Amino acid sequence: MELKLTLMIDDETDLGESHILGCPDVPAKWNDDAIFFNDEVFVGQINLKDVECESLPKNGILYFFFARL
């Protein structure tokens, strides 16, 4: 399986595209509901349309964050 990720520099990726670093493309409601905390760092997102794996759904986005506890 091969997955190509783009390093996010100056908003170069399209909305919902798989990428690492930069900012996550999340629904506005997530920010309105204060889901994110100040100690969380966005690592990347993978759009499942870019992944060929039978054990994962065919659509949606996986978000990865790092938080120091």
N, C-alpha and C. Protein backbone atom coordinates (compact mmCIF):
# COMPACT_ATOMS: atom_id res chain seq x y z
N MET A 1 0.85 -1.17 0.00
CA MET A 1 0.00 0.00 0.00
C MET A 1 0.89 1.23 0.00
N GLU A 2 0.56 2.19 -0.84
CA GLU A 2 1.32 3.43 -0.92
C GLU A 2 0.38 4.60 -0.65
N LEU A 3 0.81 5.51 0.21
CA LEU A 3 0.03 6.69 0.53
C LEU A 3 0.93 7.90 0.35
N LYS A 4 0.50 8.85 -0.45
CA LYS A 4 1.29 10.06 -0.67
C LYS A 4 0.71 11.18 0.18
N LEU A 5 1.54 11.77 1.04
CA LEU A 5 1.14 12.88 1.88
C LEU A 5 1.88 14.14 1.43
N THR A 6 1.23 15.27 1.53
CA THR A 6 1.83 16.54 1.18
C THR A 6 2.18 17.28 2.46
N LEU A 7 3.40 17.81 2.55
CA LEU A 7 3.80 18.65 3.67
C LEU A 7 3.09 19.98 3.50
N MET A 8 2.31 20.38 4.48
CA MET A 8 1.50 21.59 4.38
C MET A 8 2.38 22.82 4.60
N ILE A 9 2.57 23.59 3.55
CA ILE A 9 3.33 24.84 3.64
C ILE A 9 2.49 25.93 2.99
N ASP A 10 2.13 26.93 3.75
CA ASP A 10 1.38 28.08 3.23
C ASP A 10 0.09 27.67 2.53
N ASP A 11 -0.69 26.78 3.14
CA ASP A 11 -2.00 26.39 2.61
C ASP A 11 -1.95 25.90 1.17
N GLU A 12 -1.00 25.05 0.84
CA GLU A 12 -0.84 24.55 -0.53
C GLU A 12 -1.82 23.45 -0.90
N THR A 13 -2.43 22.79 0.08
CA THR A 13 -3.30 21.65 -0.23
C THR A 13 -4.75 22.09 -0.36
N ASP A 14 -5.52 21.29 -1.08
CA ASP A 14 -6.96 21.53 -1.21
C ASP A 14 -7.67 21.05 0.06
N LEU A 15 -8.84 21.59 0.29
CA LEU A 15 -9.63 21.22 1.45
C LEU A 15 -9.88 19.71 1.48
N GLY A 16 -9.55 19.08 2.59
CA GLY A 16 -9.78 17.65 2.76
C GLY A 16 -8.68 16.75 2.22
N GLU A 17 -7.64 17.31 1.63
CA GLU A 17 -6.55 16.52 1.07
C GLU A 17 -5.66 15.97 2.19
N SER A 18 -5.12 14.78 1.99
CA SER A 18 -4.19 14.21 2.95
C SER A 18 -2.94 15.08 3.03
N HIS A 19 -2.51 15.40 4.26
CA HIS A 19 -1.28 16.17 4.43
C HIS A 19 -0.77 16.05 5.87
N ILE A 20 0.49 16.43 6.06
CA ILE A 20 1.09 16.45 7.38
C ILE A 20 1.39 17.90 7.75
N LEU A 21 1.35 18.16 9.05
CA LEU A 21 1.59 19.48 9.63
C LEU A 21 0.59 20.50 9.10
N GLY A 22 0.82 21.77 9.31
CA GLY A 22 -0.13 22.79 8.89
C GLY A 22 -1.34 22.81 9.81
N CYS A 23 -2.51 22.95 9.25
CA CYS A 23 -3.76 23.00 10.01
C CYS A 23 -4.70 21.91 9.53
N PRO A 24 -5.48 21.34 10.46
CA PRO A 24 -6.45 20.33 10.05
C PRO A 24 -7.64 20.97 9.35
N ASP A 25 -8.23 20.25 8.42
CA ASP A 25 -9.45 20.69 7.75
C ASP A 25 -10.63 20.05 8.48
N VAL A 26 -11.10 20.73 9.50
CA VAL A 26 -12.18 20.18 10.33
C VAL A 26 -13.45 20.99 10.14
N PRO A 27 -14.61 20.38 10.40
CA PRO A 27 -15.85 21.13 10.33
C PRO A 27 -15.84 22.30 11.32
N ALA A 28 -16.43 23.43 10.95
CA ALA A 28 -16.44 24.61 11.82
C ALA A 28 -17.04 24.29 13.19
N LYS A 29 -18.01 23.39 13.22
CA LYS A 29 -18.66 23.03 14.48
C LYS A 29 -17.66 22.49 15.50
N TRP A 30 -16.63 21.81 15.03
CA TRP A 30 -15.63 21.28 15.96
C TRP A 30 -14.98 22.41 16.74
N ASN A 31 -14.66 23.50 16.06
CA ASN A 31 -14.03 24.64 16.74
C ASN A 31 -15.05 25.35 17.63
N ASP A 32 -16.30 25.44 17.19
CA ASP A 32 -17.34 26.10 17.98
C ASP A 32 -17.61 25.36 19.28
N ASP A 33 -17.48 24.04 19.25
CA ASP A 33 -17.72 23.22 20.43
C ASP A 33 -16.47 23.07 21.31
N ALA A 34 -15.40 23.77 20.97
CA ALA A 34 -14.14 23.74 21.75
C ALA A 34 -13.63 22.32 21.95
N ILE A 35 -13.59 21.56 20.87
CA ILE A 35 -13.09 20.18 20.94
C ILE A 35 -11.57 20.14 21.12
N PHE A 36 -10.88 21.12 20.58
CA PHE A 36 -9.43 21.13 20.64
C PHE A 36 -8.93 21.84 21.91
N PHE A 37 -7.80 21.38 22.40
CA PHE A 37 -7.20 21.95 23.59
C PHE A 37 -5.88 22.62 23.21
N ASN A 38 -5.43 23.55 24.03
CA ASN A 38 -4.21 24.31 23.73
C ASN A 38 -2.96 23.46 23.66
N ASP A 39 -2.95 22.33 24.34
CA ASP A 39 -1.75 21.50 24.36
C ASP A 39 -1.71 20.47 23.23
N GLU A 40 -2.69 20.49 22.33
CA GLU A 40 -2.71 19.55 21.21
C GLU A 40 -2.01 20.15 19.99
N VAL A 41 -1.20 19.32 19.35
CA VAL A 41 -0.49 19.73 18.14
C VAL A 41 -0.96 18.84 17.00
N PHE A 42 -1.37 19.47 15.90
CA PHE A 42 -1.82 18.72 14.73
C PHE A 42 -0.62 18.08 14.05
N VAL A 43 -0.69 16.78 13.80
CA VAL A 43 0.37 16.04 13.14
C VAL A 43 0.05 15.83 11.67
N GLY A 44 -1.20 15.45 11.37
CA GLY A 44 -1.56 15.22 9.97
C GLY A 44 -2.97 14.69 9.84
N GLN A 45 -3.41 14.62 8.59
CA GLN A 45 -4.71 14.05 8.29
C GLN A 45 -4.60 13.18 7.05
N ILE A 46 -5.36 12.10 7.06
CA ILE A 46 -5.38 11.18 5.92
C ILE A 46 -6.82 11.06 5.44
N ASN A 47 -7.05 11.43 4.20
CA ASN A 47 -8.36 11.26 3.58
C ASN A 47 -8.46 9.81 3.15
N LEU A 48 -9.47 9.12 3.62
CA LEU A 48 -9.58 7.68 3.37
C LEU A 48 -9.78 7.33 1.90
N LYS A 49 -10.14 8.29 1.07
CA LYS A 49 -10.23 8.01 -0.37
C LYS A 49 -8.84 7.75 -0.96
N ASP A 50 -7.78 8.15 -0.22
CA ASP A 50 -6.41 7.93 -0.65
C ASP A 50 -5.85 6.59 -0.19
N VAL A 51 -6.62 5.84 0.58
CA VAL A 51 -6.14 4.60 1.20
C VAL A 51 -6.90 3.40 0.64
N GLU A 52 -6.18 2.37 0.28
CA GLU A 52 -6.80 1.13 -0.15
C GLU A 52 -6.56 0.08 0.93
N CYS A 53 -7.53 -0.01 1.83
CA CYS A 53 -7.43 -0.96 2.93
C CYS A 53 -8.84 -1.45 3.25
N GLU A 54 -9.06 -2.75 3.14
CA GLU A 54 -10.40 -3.30 3.33
C GLU A 54 -10.93 -3.12 4.75
N SER A 55 -10.06 -2.95 5.73
CA SER A 55 -10.52 -2.82 7.11
C SER A 55 -10.87 -1.38 7.49
N LEU A 56 -10.71 -0.44 6.57
CA LEU A 56 -11.07 0.95 6.83
C LEU A 56 -12.24 1.36 5.94
N PRO A 57 -13.03 2.35 6.38
CA PRO A 57 -14.10 2.86 5.52
C PRO A 57 -13.52 3.46 4.23
N LYS A 58 -14.35 3.61 3.22
CA LYS A 58 -13.91 4.15 1.92
C LYS A 58 -13.91 5.67 1.88
N ASN A 59 -14.56 6.32 2.87
CA ASN A 59 -14.55 7.78 2.89
C ASN A 59 -14.41 8.27 4.32
N GLY A 60 -14.11 9.54 4.47
CA GLY A 60 -13.89 10.14 5.78
C GLY A 60 -12.43 10.57 5.90
N ILE A 61 -12.11 11.18 7.01
CA ILE A 61 -10.74 11.66 7.24
C ILE A 61 -10.29 11.21 8.62
N LEU A 62 -9.07 10.70 8.68
CA LEU A 62 -8.44 10.37 9.96
C LEU A 62 -7.56 11.55 10.35
N TYR A 63 -7.72 12.04 11.57
CA TYR A 63 -6.92 13.16 12.07
C TYR A 63 -5.98 12.65 13.13
N PHE A 64 -4.75 13.15 13.13
CA PHE A 64 -3.76 12.75 14.11
C PHE A 64 -3.24 13.98 14.84
N PHE A 65 -3.28 13.89 16.19
CA PHE A 65 -2.81 14.97 17.03
C PHE A 65 -1.84 14.40 18.06
N PHE A 66 -1.00 15.26 18.56
CA PHE A 66 -0.09 14.92 19.64
C PHE A 66 -0.44 15.80 20.82
N ALA A 67 -0.58 15.21 21.99
CA ALA A 67 -0.84 15.98 23.20
C ALA A 67 0.09 15.49 24.30
N ARG A 68 0.74 16.42 24.93
CA ARG A 68 1.61 16.08 26.06
C ARG A 68 0.74 16.04 27.31
N LEU A 69 0.79 14.94 28.02
CA LEU A 69 -0.05 14.78 29.22
C LEU A 69 0.71 15.11 30.47
